[in-house]
Structures are given as structure tokens and as C-alpha cells.
Amino acid sequence: MQFVLKIKDDPVYLELHKIYVVLTDEEATKDGDLRIVDESGEDYLALLILGMIQAPLAPQFGGG
């Protein structure tokens, strides 16, 4: 599963500093877009230039 983080504040419907799930969409990728899912479960096309960066999330394990 891939994730992106919204890092640029602009008038787009996405929230700043929020992590979104990325869906696989080859057509969107060819056009320079991402298909992302918001907290309501709706998916949207988002331009990569809108301040989205890949957010690799690794499992966190407690030290012991």
C-alpha cells in the first residue's frame, strides 16, 4: 500500500499535513496524477504538483 502526505497549502479539497492512501491507477499515473482516498472513502485524482510527497510508513516496534 502506498501513502502520500499533503505538504503544500492551496485551495484544493485536500487537507494540509494529512496522509492519504494512493490507489493504483495506471492512466492517472501516465497523466502525472495520483488517485487518492480521503477519510470518507471517496477517491479523487490529485496532481503530483499539488504538494504531495510519498510517505513510506514502516511498522513501529517497541524496544525492549
C-alpha atoms as a PDB file:
ATOM      1  CA  MET A   1       0.000   0.000   0.000  1.00  0.00           C
ATOM      2  CA  GLN A   2       1.289   3.468  -0.861  1.00  0.00           C
ATOM      3  CA  PHE A   3       0.701   6.701   1.008  1.00  0.00           C
ATOM      4  CA  VAL A   4       1.243  10.388   0.270  1.00  0.00           C
ATOM      5  CA  LEU A   5       1.461  13.392   2.548  1.00  0.00           C
ATOM      6  CA  LYS A   6      -0.103  16.745   1.612  1.00  0.00           C
ATOM      7  CA  ILE A   7       2.652  19.342   2.152  1.00  0.00           C
ATOM      8  CA  LYS A   8       1.557  22.377   0.155  1.00  0.00           C
ATOM      9  CA  ASP A   9      -1.255  24.658   1.287  1.00  0.00           C
ATOM     10  CA  ASP A  10      -3.527  25.521  -1.615  1.00  0.00           C
ATOM     11  CA  PRO A  11      -7.268  25.870  -2.233  1.00  0.00           C
ATOM     12  CA  VAL A  12      -7.641  22.196  -3.170  1.00  0.00           C
ATOM     13  CA  TYR A  13     -10.104  19.986  -1.268  1.00  0.00           C
ATOM     14  CA  LEU A  14      -7.320  18.039   0.470  1.00  0.00           C
ATOM     15  CA  GLU A  15      -6.170  18.844   3.993  1.00  0.00           C
ATOM     16  CA  LEU A  16      -2.650  20.095   4.656  1.00  0.00           C
ATOM     17  CA  HIS A  17      -0.308  17.704   6.537  1.00  0.00           C
ATOM     18  CA  LYS A  18      -2.669  14.787   6.109  1.00  0.00           C
ATOM     19  CA  ILE A  19      -1.659  11.333   4.886  1.00  0.00           C
ATOM     20  CA  TYR A  20      -3.748   9.806   2.098  1.00  0.00           C
ATOM     21  CA  VAL A  21      -3.867   6.288   0.663  1.00  0.00           C
ATOM     22  CA  VAL A  22      -2.885   6.026  -3.013  1.00  0.00           C
ATOM     23  CA  LEU A  23      -4.846   3.677  -5.285  1.00  0.00           C
ATOM     24  CA  THR A  24      -3.249   2.017  -8.285  1.00  0.00           C
ATOM     25  CA  ASP A  25      -4.392   3.851 -11.425  1.00  0.00           C
ATOM     26  CA  GLU A  26      -2.071   3.484 -14.413  1.00  0.00           C
ATOM     27  CA  GLU A  27      -3.969   6.025 -16.525  1.00  0.00           C
ATOM     28  CA  ALA A  28      -3.729   8.647 -13.794  1.00  0.00           C
ATOM     29  CA  THR A  29      -0.013   7.985 -13.355  1.00  0.00           C
ATOM     30  CA  LYS A  30       0.593   8.413 -17.101  1.00  0.00           C
ATOM     31  CA  ASP A  31      -1.000  11.858 -16.840  1.00  0.00           C
ATOM     32  CA  GLY A  32       1.079  12.821 -13.791  1.00  0.00           C
ATOM     33  CA  ASP A  33      -1.783  12.355 -11.340  1.00  0.00           C
ATOM     34  CA  LEU A  34      -2.441  10.209  -8.293  1.00  0.00           C
ATOM     35  CA  ARG A  35      -5.721   8.593  -7.322  1.00  0.00           C
ATOM     36  CA  ILE A  36      -6.087   9.066  -3.589  1.00  0.00           C
ATOM     37  CA  VAL A  37      -8.712   8.148  -0.999  1.00  0.00           C
ATOM     38  CA  ASP A  38      -9.930  10.529   1.707  1.00  0.00           C
ATOM     39  CA  GLU A  39     -11.321   9.625   5.137  1.00  0.00           C
ATOM     40  CA  SER A  40     -14.859   9.276   3.751  1.00  0.00           C
ATOM     41  CA  GLY A  41     -13.717   6.554   1.353  1.00  0.00           C
ATOM     42  CA  GLU A  42     -14.161   8.742  -1.742  1.00  0.00           C
ATOM     43  CA  ASP A  43     -11.359   8.643  -4.283  1.00  0.00           C
ATOM     44  CA  TYR A  44     -10.039  11.644  -6.192  1.00  0.00           C
ATOM     45  CA  LEU A  45      -7.477  12.469  -8.829  1.00  0.00           C
ATOM     46  CA  ALA A  46      -4.745  14.718  -7.452  1.00  0.00           C
ATOM     47  CA  LEU A  47      -1.935  16.327  -9.398  1.00  0.00           C
ATOM     48  CA  LEU A  48       1.531  15.431  -8.158  1.00  0.00           C
ATOM     49  CA  ILE A  49       2.446  19.120  -8.343  1.00  0.00           C
ATOM     50  CA  LEU A  50      -0.114  19.964  -5.650  1.00  0.00           C
ATOM     51  CA  GLY A  51       2.419  19.292  -2.924  1.00  0.00           C
ATOM     52  CA  MET A  52       2.041  15.575  -2.369  1.00  0.00           C
ATOM     53  CA  ILE A  53       5.098  13.599  -1.292  1.00  0.00           C
ATOM     54  CA  GLN A  54       5.403   9.853  -0.902  1.00  0.00           C
ATOM     55  CA  ALA A  55       5.115   8.887   2.745  1.00  0.00           C
ATOM     56  CA  PRO A  56       6.699   5.486   3.334  1.00  0.00           C
ATOM     57  CA  LEU A  57       5.255   4.117   6.526  1.00  0.00           C
ATOM     58  CA  ALA A  58       7.148   1.373   8.305  1.00  0.00           C
ATOM     59  CA  PRO A  59       5.839  -0.630  11.220  1.00  0.00           C
ATOM     60  CA  GLN A  60       6.932   0.704  14.592  1.00  0.00           C
ATOM     61  CA  PHE A  61       8.057  -1.826  17.166  1.00  0.00           C
ATOM     62  CA  GLY A  62       8.536  -1.099  20.839  1.00  0.00           C
ATOM     63  CA  GLY A  63      12.041  -1.529  22.182  1.00  0.00           C
ATOM     64  CA  GLY A  64      12.589  -3.958  24.933  1.00  0.00           C
END
